[in-house]
Amino acid sequence: MSAAMEISAREAAPLGSSPAGDAQLDANVEAGRQFVTFRMEEEVFGVPLTEVQEIIRLPPIVEVPLASNNLKGLANLRGAVLPIMSLRRVFGMSETASDDSTRVVVMNAGTPIGYIVDRMDRVISADAGDVESVDRIRATVDTELLSGVVKRSDGMVMILDTTKLLQSKDAHVAKKDRRFNECDGSEERSAAAQVVDELQLVSFEVDGQEYALPIESVEEIVQVPEQIRTIPNSREHLLGVINLRNRMLPLVSLRSLFGLPPPAAGHQSRIVIVSRKIDGVAYSVGLVTDSVKEVLRAPRSAVDPIPRLMASRSGQNEVESICRLDGGKRLVSIMVPDRLFLNADVRSSLEAAGAGKDAEMTGEQNKRDERVDDEEQFVIFRLADEEYGVPIDSVREIVRVPEQITKLPKAPHFVEGVINLRGSVMPIVDQRRRFSLANIERNDRQRIMVFTIRGAPTGFIVDSVSEVLKISRSRISQAPDLAANEDGAVARVANLVDSKRLILMLDVEKLLSESELAALRNTQ
């Protein structure tokens, strides 16, 4: 028996066992066929010891929406994503709260799957002749998941058929390469024309004023870390450098660069990381902003150049144009990345931080380029206690929830209504209801994420949008086939071990099922 299984066997020993009891347990394991036994309510069940990978305490669990009823959620098992099934749900028992006796029995069916049990019992040994057929108890007990019964002096142990148990999760759904029907040529041409006539921007706030950068220049958005390494004799606006995934990134305070006062103590700032390649030289800098507001699309017709009197005499003013939104009530200053990096103060900051070396001259930069190619960029948002991610390319825009949403008669329960978004009527889905989560009151942190589904913009209300994040593909794995049906929206899972985060990656095309899309169309 391996060391790992010895640990599992001892974990399964009765509570309060003595060293002598442990020795007896080891002796039992060495003789005959061994079964790990556990209790569910007052019944004792067993599974072959050889099919048990390990036994662990109940770990933190990330709940998966629209999953099999038997699935409790996903957990992190030493860097691997572990599906956790509720054996009480499999057996049709009522749910109970977990306690110190609760354990997870991890079995391996190609990939590990954990089953929550009430408490462990012991490891028993039984010869083949000691295992009786289930036919004798079939009339009184549901034996679908049983392979046999072991009768002992202290009671009966029902042996589970692990093959049927793993199949019983009613969650193995063949992945279908399902795509939405293609739009006709006229719709494609119309959509392409609309993209050309729009700017997609990431907006942020500095001292009460709203600024924006083209989304293609924004590498990611992260929180300000606790530790920032200062650079001696640097300019005031250079806050220092941070280590971001094994590269040094200079941080520039936009407040200081713009000659504004520092923020109030305790303010939670955000870093917008901007990348640019100028004359063969790659630059990256983190712009420290007061807050990141949203991703928005603005028609080019609403963008005007800044008045000449406001332009810098040197011609290097970072703000090039003003975007008029909400009928001119909202003005957003659009910054130009090229001019930002040509700013003498920013360039000196980059040089002081050792950034901006010729990419073709340094092996470190080549490694960085390889890392970039091996990363994906996601918009991260929250619903209840869980984090979700969607590819940034799938996000049309992110807007605030308006005060009024027009209700639709006979609409599906998850549809909040419709809004007028720049002259177009767009349906709004309450993502909490869609995922069968408890409702909450509207608040300022909620946002509407706009995706294109079957060629039509559709908004989804989420609790908050937290960041834009680049994640290495090595940290992303396919989600276990645990959907209740073929319309499961969780396609992949990002396991960020260092930060102890499991992020559920959604397939935007499956946010609404075929039947839900049909119901939504019938209400419009």
Protein backbone atom coordinates (compact mmCIF):
# COMPACT_ATOMS: atom_id res chain seq x y z
CA MET A 1 0.00 0.00 0.00
CA SER A 2 1.40 3.41 -0.98
CA ALA A 3 2.15 6.15 1.53
CA ALA A 4 -0.71 8.22 0.11
CA MET A 5 -3.16 5.38 0.61
CA GLU A 6 -1.83 4.78 4.12
CA ILE A 7 -2.73 8.37 4.93
CA SER A 8 -6.16 7.88 3.40
CA ALA A 9 -6.68 4.69 5.35
CA ARG A 10 -5.78 6.35 8.63
CA GLU A 11 -8.07 9.27 7.77
CA ALA A 12 -10.86 6.72 7.39
CA ALA A 13 -10.27 5.11 10.77
CA PRO A 14 -12.94 5.64 13.44
CA LEU A 15 -12.63 8.88 15.38
CA GLY A 16 -10.73 8.46 18.61
CA SER A 17 -8.83 5.37 17.39
CA SER A 18 -5.69 4.44 19.30
CA PRO A 19 -2.24 3.48 17.92
CA ALA A 20 -3.17 -0.14 18.58
CA GLY A 21 -6.32 0.39 16.55
CA ASP A 22 -4.24 1.86 13.73
CA ALA A 23 -2.03 -1.21 13.76
CA GLN A 24 -5.09 -3.45 13.54
CA LEU A 25 -6.39 -1.31 10.68
CA ASP A 26 -3.13 -1.74 8.75
CA ALA A 27 -3.32 -5.49 9.33
CA ASN A 28 -6.86 -5.56 7.94
CA VAL A 29 -5.76 -3.66 4.86
CA GLU A 30 -3.09 -6.22 4.07
CA ALA A 31 -5.54 -9.14 4.10
CA GLY A 32 -8.26 -9.91 1.58
CA ARG A 33 -10.08 -7.32 -0.53
CA GLN A 34 -10.25 -3.88 1.09
CA PHE A 35 -13.10 -1.40 1.12
CA VAL A 36 -13.20 2.15 2.40
CA THR A 37 -16.45 2.53 4.33
CA PHE A 38 -18.35 5.65 5.30
CA ARG A 39 -21.72 6.58 6.75
CA MET A 40 -24.64 8.39 5.15
CA GLU A 41 -27.23 9.00 7.86
CA GLU A 42 -27.28 5.64 9.67
CA GLU A 43 -26.32 3.47 6.70
CA VAL A 44 -22.80 2.22 5.98
CA PHE A 45 -21.50 2.17 2.42
CA GLY A 46 -18.20 1.03 0.97
CA VAL A 47 -16.09 1.50 -2.15
CA PRO A 48 -13.03 -0.52 -3.21
CA LEU A 49 -9.89 0.89 -1.63
CA THR A 50 -8.04 0.61 -4.95
CA GLU A 51 -10.47 3.09 -6.54
CA VAL A 52 -10.06 5.74 -3.82
CA GLN A 53 -7.41 8.31 -4.63
CA GLU A 54 -7.54 10.10 -1.29
CA ILE A 55 -9.84 11.38 1.44
CA ILE A 56 -9.84 15.08 2.29
CA ARG A 57 -11.71 17.58 4.40
CA LEU A 58 -14.37 19.63 2.67
CA PRO A 59 -12.47 22.40 0.79
CA PRO A 60 -13.80 25.84 -0.25
CA ILE A 61 -16.23 25.25 -3.12
CA VAL A 62 -17.11 27.41 -6.12
CA GLU A 63 -20.73 26.81 -7.11
CA VAL A 64 -21.42 26.24 -10.82
CA PRO A 65 -24.67 27.67 -12.25
CA LEU A 66 -26.95 25.51 -14.40
CA ALA A 67 -25.03 22.39 -13.38
CA SER A 68 -26.22 18.91 -12.53
CA ASN A 69 -28.30 18.84 -9.36
CA ASN A 70 -25.81 16.40 -7.86
CA LEU A 71 -22.87 18.77 -8.32
CA LYS A 72 -21.97 20.76 -5.23
CA GLY A 73 -19.32 22.78 -7.06
CA LEU A 74 -15.64 22.91 -7.98
CA ALA A 75 -12.61 23.01 -5.72
CA ASN A 76 -8.85 23.36 -6.04
CA LEU A 77 -6.96 20.12 -5.36
CA ARG A 78 -3.25 20.96 -5.44
CA GLY A 79 -3.55 22.94 -8.66
CA ALA A 80 -6.15 20.67 -10.32
CA VAL A 81 -9.85 21.46 -10.66
CA LEU A 82 -11.85 18.93 -8.63
CA PRO A 83 -15.62 18.48 -9.17
CA ILE A 84 -17.35 17.89 -5.82
CA MET A 85 -20.55 15.82 -5.89
CA SER A 86 -23.11 15.60 -3.08
CA LEU A 87 -23.70 11.94 -2.29
CA ARG A 88 -26.82 12.94 -0.36
CA ARG A 89 -28.28 14.35 -3.58
CA VAL A 90 -27.25 11.22 -5.49
CA PHE A 91 -29.06 9.10 -2.89
CA GLY A 92 -32.08 11.42 -2.74
CA MET A 93 -31.45 12.28 0.92
CA SER A 94 -32.26 15.65 2.44
CA GLU A 95 -29.43 18.20 2.63
CA THR A 96 -27.64 18.77 5.95
CA ALA A 97 -24.99 21.27 7.00
CA SER A 98 -21.40 20.05 6.91
CA ASP A 99 -19.48 19.65 10.18
CA ASP A 100 -16.08 18.49 11.41
CA SER A 101 -16.93 14.91 10.45
CA THR A 102 -17.74 15.72 6.82
CA ARG A 103 -15.22 14.32 4.34
CA VAL A 104 -14.73 14.14 0.59
CA VAL A 105 -13.86 10.77 -0.91
CA VAL A 106 -11.87 11.41 -4.09
CA MET A 107 -12.13 8.72 -6.76
CA ASN A 108 -10.45 8.76 -10.13
CA ALA A 109 -12.32 8.03 -13.33
CA GLY A 110 -9.69 9.37 -15.68
CA THR A 111 -10.01 12.67 -13.81
CA PRO A 112 -10.58 12.96 -10.05
CA ILE A 113 -14.14 13.42 -8.74
CA GLY A 114 -14.93 13.98 -5.08
CA TYR A 115 -18.02 12.77 -3.21
CA ILE A 116 -19.17 14.40 0.03
CA VAL A 117 -19.97 11.86 2.75
CA ASP A 118 -21.35 12.42 6.26
CA ARG A 119 -18.40 10.79 8.03
CA MET A 120 -15.77 8.15 7.48
CA ASP A 121 -16.09 4.76 9.17
CA ARG A 122 -13.14 2.42 8.63
CA VAL A 123 -11.27 0.28 6.12
CA ILE A 124 -12.53 -3.32 6.11
CA SER A 125 -11.23 -6.49 4.50
CA ALA A 126 -13.51 -9.06 2.88
CA ASP A 127 -12.90 -12.15 0.77
CA ALA A 128 -14.77 -12.54 -2.49
CA GLY A 129 -17.07 -15.07 -0.85
CA ASP A 130 -18.04 -12.53 1.82
CA VAL A 131 -19.63 -10.20 -0.76
CA GLU A 132 -23.23 -11.26 -1.37
CA SER A 133 -25.44 -10.41 -4.33
CA VAL A 134 -27.81 -7.48 -4.05
CA ASP A 135 -30.71 -9.57 -5.40
CA ARG A 136 -31.84 -10.54 -1.92
CA ILE A 137 -32.43 -6.94 -0.83
CA ARG A 138 -33.58 -5.59 -4.21
CA ALA A 139 -37.24 -5.73 -3.18
CA THR A 140 -36.73 -3.34 -0.24
CA VAL A 141 -33.72 -1.20 -1.22
CA ASP A 142 -32.90 0.73 -4.39
CA THR A 143 -29.89 -1.29 -5.51
CA GLU A 144 -29.18 0.53 -8.78
CA LEU A 145 -25.85 1.86 -7.47
CA LEU A 146 -24.85 -1.26 -5.52
CA SER A 147 -22.55 -4.08 -6.60
CA GLY A 148 -22.92 -6.22 -3.50
CA VAL A 149 -23.41 -6.43 0.26
CA VAL A 150 -20.99 -7.44 3.01
CA LYS A 151 -22.65 -8.79 6.17
CA ARG A 152 -20.63 -8.28 9.32
CA SER A 153 -21.26 -8.90 12.97
CA ASP A 154 -21.65 -5.16 13.55
CA GLY A 155 -24.01 -4.59 10.62
CA MET A 156 -24.31 -4.61 6.86
CA VAL A 157 -22.02 -2.70 4.46
CA MET A 158 -23.49 -1.84 1.05
CA ILE A 159 -20.77 -1.82 -1.62
CA LEU A 160 -21.21 0.87 -4.26
CA ASP A 161 -20.67 0.18 -7.94
CA THR A 162 -18.26 3.02 -8.65
CA THR A 163 -18.78 2.82 -12.41
CA LYS A 164 -22.52 3.39 -12.04
CA LEU A 165 -21.88 5.97 -9.31
CA LEU A 166 -19.70 8.05 -11.61
CA GLN A 167 -22.33 7.75 -14.34
CA SER A 168 -25.11 8.69 -11.93
CA LYS A 169 -23.91 12.27 -11.67
CA ASP A 170 -26.22 12.83 -14.69
CA ALA A 171 -23.68 15.38 -15.68
CA HIS A 172 -21.72 13.72 -18.45
CA VAL A 173 -22.90 15.63 -21.46
CA ALA A 174 -21.04 15.23 -24.71
CA LYS A 175 -19.56 18.54 -25.72
CA LYS A 176 -21.21 19.66 -28.92
CA ASP A 177 -19.50 22.05 -31.26
CA ARG A 178 -22.66 24.08 -31.38
CA ARG A 179 -22.64 27.41 -33.21
CA PHE A 180 -25.36 29.94 -33.70
CA ASN A 181 -26.82 30.18 -37.18
CA GLU A 182 -24.91 32.53 -39.41
CA CYS A 183 -26.48 35.86 -40.20
CA ASP A 184 -27.20 36.65 -43.81
CA GLY A 185 -24.79 38.82 -45.75
CA SER A 186 -26.70 42.04 -45.25
CA GLU A 187 -26.55 41.70 -41.45
CA GLU A 188 -22.82 40.98 -41.61
CA ARG A 189 -22.19 44.04 -43.76
CA SER A 190 -24.31 46.15 -41.42
CA ALA A 191 -22.42 44.90 -38.37
CA ALA A 192 -19.06 45.51 -40.03
CA ALA A 193 -20.08 49.04 -40.96
CA GLN A 194 -21.18 49.68 -37.40
CA VAL A 195 -17.80 48.51 -36.02
CA VAL A 196 -15.92 50.81 -38.37
CA ASP A 197 -18.09 53.74 -37.31
CA GLU A 198 -17.55 53.15 -33.58
CA LEU A 199 -14.79 53.49 -31.04
CA GLN A 200 -14.48 50.96 -28.23
CA LEU A 201 -13.04 52.58 -25.13
CA VAL A 202 -12.06 51.74 -21.56
CA SER A 203 -13.15 54.67 -19.39
CA PHE A 204 -11.72 55.62 -16.00
CA GLU A 205 -11.92 58.50 -13.56
CA VAL A 206 -9.26 60.89 -12.24
CA ASP A 207 -10.28 63.55 -9.71
CA GLY A 208 -13.93 63.46 -10.79
CA GLN A 209 -13.14 63.75 -14.51
CA GLU A 210 -13.74 60.91 -16.95
CA TYR A 211 -11.02 59.80 -19.36
CA ALA A 212 -10.75 56.89 -21.78
CA LEU A 213 -8.25 54.90 -23.81
CA PRO A 214 -8.85 52.77 -26.94
CA ILE A 215 -9.48 49.23 -25.75
CA GLU A 216 -6.82 47.78 -28.09
CA SER A 217 -4.12 49.69 -26.19
CA VAL A 218 -5.24 48.44 -22.76
CA GLU A 219 -3.39 45.28 -21.79
CA GLU A 220 -5.24 44.64 -18.53
CA ILE A 221 -6.65 46.27 -15.39
CA VAL A 222 -5.42 45.24 -11.94
CA GLN A 223 -5.59 46.42 -8.35
CA VAL A 224 -2.79 48.43 -6.80
CA PRO A 225 -0.61 45.96 -4.86
CA GLU A 226 0.39 46.48 -1.26
CA GLN A 227 4.09 46.74 -2.09
CA ILE A 228 5.51 49.17 -4.66
CA ARG A 229 9.28 49.43 -5.08
CA THR A 230 10.31 53.08 -5.20
CA ILE A 231 13.01 54.41 -7.56
CA PRO A 232 15.52 56.84 -6.02
CA ASN A 233 15.69 60.36 -7.51
CA SER A 234 12.66 59.72 -9.75
CA ARG A 235 10.04 62.27 -10.67
CA GLU A 236 7.07 62.74 -8.37
CA HIS A 237 4.54 61.16 -10.70
CA LEU A 238 6.53 57.89 -10.87
CA LEU A 239 5.18 55.93 -7.91
CA GLY A 240 7.67 53.10 -8.44
CA VAL A 241 7.72 49.68 -10.05
CA ILE A 242 5.90 46.44 -9.34
CA ASN A 243 6.59 42.84 -10.28
CA LEU A 244 3.71 41.72 -12.50
CA ARG A 245 4.09 38.09 -13.57
CA ASN A 246 7.88 38.21 -13.62
CA ARG A 247 8.27 41.56 -15.34
CA MET A 248 8.95 44.98 -13.90
CA LEU A 249 6.17 47.48 -14.58
CA PRO A 250 6.54 51.22 -13.85
CA LEU A 251 3.55 52.92 -12.23
CA VAL A 252 2.66 56.48 -13.21
CA SER A 253 0.16 58.48 -11.16
CA LEU A 254 -2.20 60.28 -13.55
CA ARG A 255 -3.17 62.65 -10.73
CA SER A 256 0.45 63.74 -10.34
CA LEU A 257 1.04 63.80 -14.10
CA PHE A 258 -1.98 66.07 -14.53
CA GLY A 259 -0.94 68.29 -11.60
CA LEU A 260 -3.86 67.21 -9.41
CA PRO A 261 -3.89 66.64 -5.62
CA PRO A 262 -3.40 63.09 -4.28
CA PRO A 263 -6.50 60.98 -3.49
CA ALA A 264 -7.95 60.69 -0.01
CA ALA A 265 -6.33 58.21 2.36
CA GLY A 266 -7.65 54.67 1.97
CA HIS A 267 -8.88 55.20 -1.59
CA GLN A 268 -8.88 51.99 -3.63
CA SER A 269 -7.22 52.90 -6.94
CA ARG A 270 -6.94 50.80 -10.09
CA ILE A 271 -4.05 50.30 -12.50
CA VAL A 272 -4.74 50.49 -16.24
CA ILE A 273 -1.81 48.79 -17.98
CA VAL A 274 -1.12 50.32 -21.39
CA SER A 275 1.20 48.75 -23.96
CA ARG A 276 2.61 50.28 -27.10
CA LYS A 277 5.35 49.55 -29.62
CA ILE A 278 7.02 52.66 -31.00
CA ASP A 279 9.90 52.53 -33.49
CA GLY A 280 10.49 48.87 -32.73
CA VAL A 281 10.61 49.45 -28.99
CA ALA A 282 7.96 47.84 -26.76
CA TYR A 283 6.68 49.85 -23.80
CA SER A 284 4.33 48.98 -20.97
CA VAL A 285 3.28 51.32 -18.19
CA GLY A 286 0.70 51.14 -15.43
CA LEU A 287 -1.48 54.23 -15.15
CA VAL A 288 -2.83 54.65 -11.63
CA THR A 289 -6.42 55.94 -11.83
CA ASP A 290 -9.04 56.68 -9.18
CA SER A 291 -11.41 54.04 -10.58
CA VAL A 292 -12.19 52.19 -13.78
CA LYS A 293 -15.75 52.90 -14.88
CA GLU A 294 -16.73 50.80 -17.87
CA VAL A 295 -16.10 49.58 -21.39
CA LEU A 296 -18.14 51.64 -23.82
CA ARG A 297 -18.76 52.06 -27.53
CA ALA A 298 -18.98 55.56 -28.90
CA PRO A 299 -20.03 56.56 -32.41
CA ARG A 300 -17.31 58.50 -34.20
CA SER A 301 -19.86 61.20 -34.92
CA ALA A 302 -19.92 61.94 -31.17
CA VAL A 303 -16.14 62.52 -31.01
CA ASP A 304 -14.75 66.02 -31.51
CA PRO A 305 -11.13 67.24 -31.43
CA ILE A 306 -10.21 69.30 -28.39
CA PRO A 307 -10.28 73.09 -28.88
CA ARG A 308 -6.94 74.55 -29.98
CA LEU A 309 -6.71 76.69 -26.86
CA MET A 310 -6.66 73.49 -24.77
CA ALA A 311 -3.97 71.79 -26.84
CA SER A 312 -0.41 71.67 -25.56
CA ARG A 313 2.03 74.03 -27.27
CA SER A 314 4.44 71.13 -27.66
CA GLY A 315 1.80 69.19 -29.52
CA GLN A 316 2.15 66.28 -27.12
CA ASN A 317 -0.97 66.71 -25.06
CA GLU A 318 -2.17 63.24 -23.98
CA VAL A 319 -5.82 64.14 -24.62
CA GLU A 320 -6.69 64.40 -28.30
CA SER A 321 -10.48 64.46 -28.45
CA ILE A 322 -13.68 64.71 -26.43
CA CYS A 323 -16.53 62.20 -26.68
CA ARG A 324 -20.08 63.48 -26.11
CA LEU A 325 -22.44 60.92 -24.54
CA ASP A 326 -25.98 61.10 -23.14
CA GLY A 327 -26.87 64.04 -25.36
CA GLY A 328 -23.76 65.99 -24.37
CA LYS A 329 -24.37 65.69 -20.62
CA ARG A 330 -21.42 63.32 -20.27
CA LEU A 331 -18.02 64.33 -21.66
CA VAL A 332 -15.18 61.80 -21.86
CA SER A 333 -11.62 62.89 -22.65
CA ILE A 334 -9.97 60.38 -24.99
CA MET A 335 -6.25 59.90 -24.44
CA VAL A 336 -3.81 58.93 -27.19
CA PRO A 337 -1.40 56.12 -26.19
CA ASP A 338 1.32 57.24 -28.63
CA ARG A 339 1.37 60.72 -27.16
CA LEU A 340 1.31 59.32 -23.65
CA PHE A 341 4.51 57.38 -24.30
CA LEU A 342 6.12 60.34 -26.07
CA ASN A 343 5.57 62.48 -23.00
CA ALA A 344 9.05 63.37 -21.74
CA ASP A 345 8.13 62.74 -18.11
CA VAL A 346 6.65 59.32 -18.88
CA ARG A 347 9.67 58.37 -21.03
CA SER A 348 12.03 59.34 -18.23
CA SER A 349 9.96 57.22 -15.86
CA LEU A 350 10.21 54.25 -18.20
CA GLU A 351 13.95 54.67 -18.51
CA ALA A 352 14.32 54.96 -14.73
CA ALA A 353 12.35 51.73 -14.34
CA GLY A 354 14.44 49.97 -16.98
CA ALA A 355 11.48 49.56 -19.36
CA GLY A 356 11.27 50.00 -23.09
CA LYS A 357 14.32 48.07 -24.26
CA ASP A 358 14.59 47.00 -27.88
CA ALA A 359 12.55 43.82 -28.24
CA GLU A 360 14.87 42.35 -30.84
CA MET A 361 17.95 43.01 -28.72
CA THR A 362 16.88 41.32 -25.48
CA GLY A 363 16.09 37.70 -24.79
CA GLU A 364 13.92 38.77 -21.86
CA GLN A 365 11.61 40.66 -24.22
CA ASN A 366 11.36 37.65 -26.50
CA LYS A 367 10.31 35.59 -23.50
CA ARG A 368 7.74 38.26 -22.66
CA ASP A 369 6.33 38.11 -26.18
CA GLU A 370 6.03 34.34 -25.84
CA ARG A 371 4.16 34.79 -22.57
CA VAL A 372 1.78 37.28 -24.20
CA ASP A 373 1.07 34.79 -27.00
CA ASP A 374 0.34 32.17 -24.36
CA GLU A 375 -2.17 34.34 -22.49
CA GLU A 376 -5.84 35.16 -22.90
CA GLN A 377 -7.54 38.36 -21.79
CA PHE A 378 -10.80 38.24 -19.85
CA VAL A 379 -13.27 40.63 -18.28
CA ILE A 380 -13.91 39.39 -14.74
CA PHE A 381 -17.25 39.97 -13.01
CA ARG A 382 -19.00 38.75 -9.91
CA LEU A 383 -22.35 37.15 -9.18
CA ALA A 384 -23.07 36.40 -5.52
CA ASP A 385 -19.85 34.95 -4.08
CA GLU A 386 -18.37 33.65 -7.32
CA GLU A 387 -16.12 35.10 -10.01
CA TYR A 388 -16.82 34.65 -13.71
CA GLY A 389 -14.87 35.57 -16.81
CA VAL A 390 -15.65 36.18 -20.47
CA PRO A 391 -13.17 36.77 -23.31
CA ILE A 392 -12.66 40.51 -23.73
CA ASP A 393 -13.35 40.25 -27.46
CA SER A 394 -16.89 39.05 -26.72
CA VAL A 395 -17.78 42.15 -24.67
CA ARG A 396 -19.40 44.85 -26.79
CA GLU A 397 -19.55 47.29 -23.91
CA ILE A 398 -20.24 47.64 -20.20
CA VAL A 399 -22.75 50.25 -19.02
CA ARG A 400 -24.42 51.28 -15.80
CA VAL A 401 -27.89 49.97 -15.00
CA PRO A 402 -30.37 52.75 -15.84
CA GLU A 403 -32.95 53.88 -13.34
CA GLN A 404 -35.81 52.68 -15.54
CA ILE A 405 -36.03 49.39 -17.42
CA THR A 406 -39.22 48.89 -19.43
CA LYS A 407 -40.97 45.67 -18.46
CA LEU A 408 -42.18 43.25 -21.11
CA PRO A 409 -45.51 41.42 -20.76
CA LYS A 410 -45.27 37.63 -20.72
CA ALA A 411 -41.48 37.77 -20.81
CA PRO A 412 -39.40 34.86 -19.44
CA HIS A 413 -38.76 35.15 -15.71
CA PHE A 414 -35.08 35.97 -16.21
CA VAL A 415 -35.76 38.96 -18.52
CA GLU A 416 -35.76 42.24 -16.63
CA GLY A 417 -37.08 44.21 -19.60
CA VAL A 418 -35.68 46.39 -22.38
CA ILE A 419 -33.71 49.64 -22.49
CA ASN A 420 -32.95 52.20 -25.18
CA LEU A 421 -29.21 52.09 -25.84
CA ARG A 422 -28.30 54.93 -28.21
CA GLY A 423 -31.45 54.56 -30.24
CA SER A 424 -31.62 50.75 -30.26
CA VAL A 425 -33.96 48.68 -28.09
CA MET A 426 -32.00 46.02 -26.23
CA PRO A 427 -33.35 43.20 -24.01
CA ILE A 428 -31.89 42.98 -20.50
CA VAL A 429 -31.38 39.64 -18.74
CA ASP A 430 -31.01 39.46 -14.97
CA GLN A 431 -28.09 37.05 -14.76
CA ARG A 432 -28.87 36.19 -11.14
CA ARG A 433 -32.28 34.87 -12.15
CA ARG A 434 -30.79 33.13 -15.17
CA PHE A 435 -28.42 31.27 -12.83
CA SER A 436 -31.16 30.67 -10.21
CA LEU A 437 -29.49 32.89 -7.60
CA ALA A 438 -31.26 34.98 -4.97
CA ASN A 439 -32.41 38.44 -6.06
CA ILE A 440 -30.77 41.55 -4.62
CA GLU A 441 -31.74 45.22 -4.63
CA ARG A 442 -30.36 47.42 -7.37
CA ASN A 443 -27.13 49.18 -6.40
CA ASP A 444 -24.41 51.39 -7.88
CA ARG A 445 -21.94 48.53 -8.31
CA GLN A 446 -24.12 46.59 -10.72
CA ARG A 447 -23.38 46.79 -14.43
CA ILE A 448 -24.90 45.67 -17.71
CA MET A 449 -22.50 43.62 -19.84
CA VAL A 450 -23.51 43.73 -23.50
CA PHE A 451 -22.82 40.71 -25.71
CA THR A 452 -23.86 39.94 -29.26
CA ILE A 453 -25.98 36.79 -29.37
CA ARG A 454 -27.18 35.66 -32.78
CA GLY A 455 -26.32 39.04 -34.23
CA ALA A 456 -28.39 40.97 -31.69
CA PRO A 457 -27.02 42.98 -28.73
CA THR A 458 -28.25 41.55 -25.41
CA GLY A 459 -27.48 42.98 -21.96
CA PHE A 460 -26.83 40.92 -18.83
CA ILE A 461 -27.01 42.48 -15.36
CA VAL A 462 -24.11 41.38 -13.12
CA ASP A 463 -23.29 42.30 -9.52
CA SER A 464 -20.04 44.08 -10.43
CA VAL A 465 -17.26 44.15 -13.01
CA SER A 466 -13.95 43.87 -11.15
CA GLU A 467 -11.08 43.82 -13.62
CA VAL A 468 -9.61 42.97 -17.00
CA LEU A 469 -7.17 40.12 -16.47
CA LYS A 470 -4.64 38.27 -18.57
CA ILE A 471 -4.44 34.59 -17.68
CA SER A 472 -1.91 32.06 -18.89
CA ARG A 473 -3.44 29.27 -20.93
CA SER A 474 -1.62 26.80 -18.69
CA ARG A 475 -3.91 27.93 -15.86
CA ILE A 476 -7.08 27.32 -17.88
CA SER A 477 -8.68 23.90 -18.28
CA GLN A 478 -11.87 22.61 -19.78
CA ALA A 479 -14.71 22.52 -17.27
CA PRO A 480 -15.78 19.02 -16.26
CA ASP A 481 -18.87 17.84 -18.13
CA LEU A 482 -21.15 18.75 -15.25
CA ALA A 483 -23.97 20.69 -16.90
CA ALA A 484 -27.53 19.64 -16.25
CA ASN A 485 -28.10 19.70 -20.00
CA GLU A 486 -26.33 20.69 -23.20
CA ASP A 487 -26.86 24.38 -22.48
CA GLY A 488 -24.37 24.70 -19.64
CA ALA A 489 -22.66 28.08 -19.89
CA VAL A 490 -19.47 27.26 -17.96
CA ALA A 491 -16.99 26.11 -20.61
CA ARG A 492 -13.63 26.43 -18.84
CA VAL A 493 -12.15 27.03 -15.40
CA ALA A 494 -9.16 29.25 -14.57
CA ASN A 495 -7.32 27.93 -11.53
CA LEU A 496 -5.14 30.73 -10.12
CA VAL A 497 -3.35 28.80 -7.41
CA ASP A 498 -1.16 31.64 -6.15
CA SER A 499 -4.12 33.92 -5.45
CA LYS A 500 -6.40 31.02 -4.44
CA ARG A 501 -9.02 31.88 -7.07
CA LEU A 502 -11.20 29.63 -9.21
CA ILE A 503 -12.77 31.66 -12.02
CA LEU A 504 -15.60 30.15 -14.07
CA MET A 505 -15.15 31.00 -17.75
CA LEU A 506 -18.43 31.39 -19.61
CA ASP A 507 -19.23 30.56 -23.21
CA VAL A 508 -21.13 33.68 -24.27
CA GLU A 509 -22.94 31.75 -27.00
CA LYS A 510 -24.49 29.53 -24.32
CA LEU A 511 -25.59 32.23 -21.90
CA LEU A 512 -29.07 31.64 -23.29
CA SER A 513 -30.34 28.26 -24.42
CA GLU A 514 -32.13 27.69 -27.69
CA SER A 515 -35.50 27.61 -25.95
CA GLU A 516 -34.71 30.78 -23.99
CA LEU A 517 -33.64 32.59 -27.15
CA ALA A 518 -36.90 31.57 -28.80
CA ALA A 519 -38.90 32.77 -25.80
CA LEU A 520 -37.01 36.07 -25.83
CA ARG A 521 -37.69 36.61 -29.52
CA ASN A 522 -41.40 36.00 -28.99
CA THR A 523 -41.60 38.86 -26.48
CA GLN A 524 -40.06 41.47 -28.80
